[in-house]
Amino acid sequence: MKEHIQAIVTILALVNPVMCMAIFSKCVENVSKGEKEKGALKAVGAIGMVLLVAAIARTAILGVFGISLGAFACAGGGILV
């Protein structure tokens, strides 16, 4: 359970949904409500698919690129710092 919470907090720290919402709102201030909703749903769907594939494939994706789990964790820690 601790790992799940840590993963969720890490994703939220990287994505920063509040800032993304502010940027999206500014970018589409002259767009109709229907188009805003369509664009938001498209973005959420694309991000959801990327996260789903990453969750299912796990380390297989890293293996394709020749990246070890330790190196990935080290790089991720560097990004968060």
Protein backbone atom coordinates (compact mmCIF):
# COMPACT_ATOMS: atom_id res chain seq x y z
CA MET A 1 0.00 0.00 0.00
CA LYS A 2 2.88 2.36 0.81
CA GLU A 3 4.30 1.94 -2.70
CA HIS A 4 0.93 2.78 -4.27
CA ILE A 5 0.61 5.98 -2.26
CA GLN A 6 4.19 6.91 -3.07
CA ALA A 7 3.55 6.33 -6.79
CA ILE A 8 0.40 8.47 -6.75
CA VAL A 9 2.14 11.31 -4.90
CA THR A 10 5.06 11.15 -7.33
CA ILE A 11 2.79 11.32 -10.38
CA LEU A 12 0.85 14.23 -8.90
CA ALA A 13 4.12 16.04 -8.12
CA LEU A 14 5.36 15.59 -11.68
CA VAL A 15 2.09 16.36 -13.46
CA ASN A 16 0.93 19.18 -11.13
CA PRO A 17 -2.75 19.08 -12.16
CA VAL A 18 -3.56 22.50 -10.68
CA MET A 19 -0.94 24.23 -12.83
CA CYS A 20 -1.96 22.22 -15.89
CA MET A 21 -5.56 23.31 -15.35
CA ALA A 22 -4.49 26.97 -15.18
CA ILE A 23 -2.40 26.66 -18.35
CA PHE A 24 -5.22 24.86 -20.19
CA SER A 25 -7.74 27.51 -19.11
CA LYS A 26 -5.50 30.32 -20.37
CA CYS A 27 -4.85 28.57 -23.69
CA VAL A 28 -8.54 28.03 -24.44
CA GLU A 29 -10.13 31.17 -23.02
CA ASN A 30 -11.54 32.11 -26.46
CA VAL A 31 -12.82 28.61 -27.26
CA SER A 32 -16.41 27.44 -26.79
CA LYS A 33 -17.34 25.33 -23.76
CA GLY A 34 -18.00 22.26 -25.89
CA GLU A 35 -14.58 22.46 -27.54
CA LYS A 36 -12.91 22.94 -24.15
CA GLU A 37 -14.58 19.80 -22.83
CA LYS A 38 -13.62 17.87 -25.95
CA GLY A 39 -9.99 18.98 -25.68
CA ALA A 40 -9.84 18.20 -21.97
CA LEU A 41 -11.29 14.72 -22.49
CA LYS A 42 -8.84 14.05 -25.31
CA ALA A 43 -5.90 15.07 -23.08
CA VAL A 44 -7.13 12.98 -20.15
CA GLY A 45 -7.64 10.00 -22.46
CA ALA A 46 -4.14 10.27 -23.93
CA ILE A 47 -2.51 10.62 -20.52
CA GLY A 48 -4.60 7.76 -19.16
CA MET A 49 -3.51 5.50 -22.00
CA VAL A 50 0.17 6.32 -21.46
CA LEU A 51 -0.12 5.60 -17.73
CA LEU A 52 -2.07 2.39 -18.38
CA VAL A 53 0.52 1.08 -20.83
CA ALA A 54 3.31 2.00 -18.41
CA ALA A 55 1.50 0.23 -15.55
CA ILE A 56 0.91 -2.92 -17.59
CA ALA A 57 4.28 -3.16 -19.36
CA ARG A 58 6.32 -2.07 -16.32
CA THR A 59 9.98 -2.91 -16.73
CA ALA A 60 9.52 -4.43 -20.21
CA ILE A 61 9.47 -0.90 -21.64
CA LEU A 62 12.72 -0.09 -19.86
CA GLY A 63 14.25 -3.33 -21.15
CA VAL A 64 13.49 -2.36 -24.74
CA PHE A 65 15.60 0.77 -24.29
CA GLY A 66 18.28 -1.01 -22.24
CA ILE A 67 17.58 0.94 -19.05
CA SER A 68 17.92 -0.78 -15.67
CA LEU A 69 15.37 -0.20 -12.95
CA GLY A 70 18.08 1.27 -10.72
CA ALA A 71 19.12 3.79 -13.37
CA PHE A 72 15.49 4.74 -13.95
CA ALA A 73 14.92 5.27 -10.21
CA CYS A 74 18.07 7.38 -9.97
CA ALA A 75 17.02 9.55 -12.92
CA GLY A 76 13.51 9.90 -11.52
CA GLY A 77 14.91 11.00 -8.17
CA GLY A 78 17.06 13.57 -9.95
CA ILE A 79 14.02 14.96 -11.74
CA LEU A 80 12.08 15.28 -8.49
CA VAL A 81 14.97 17.05 -6.76
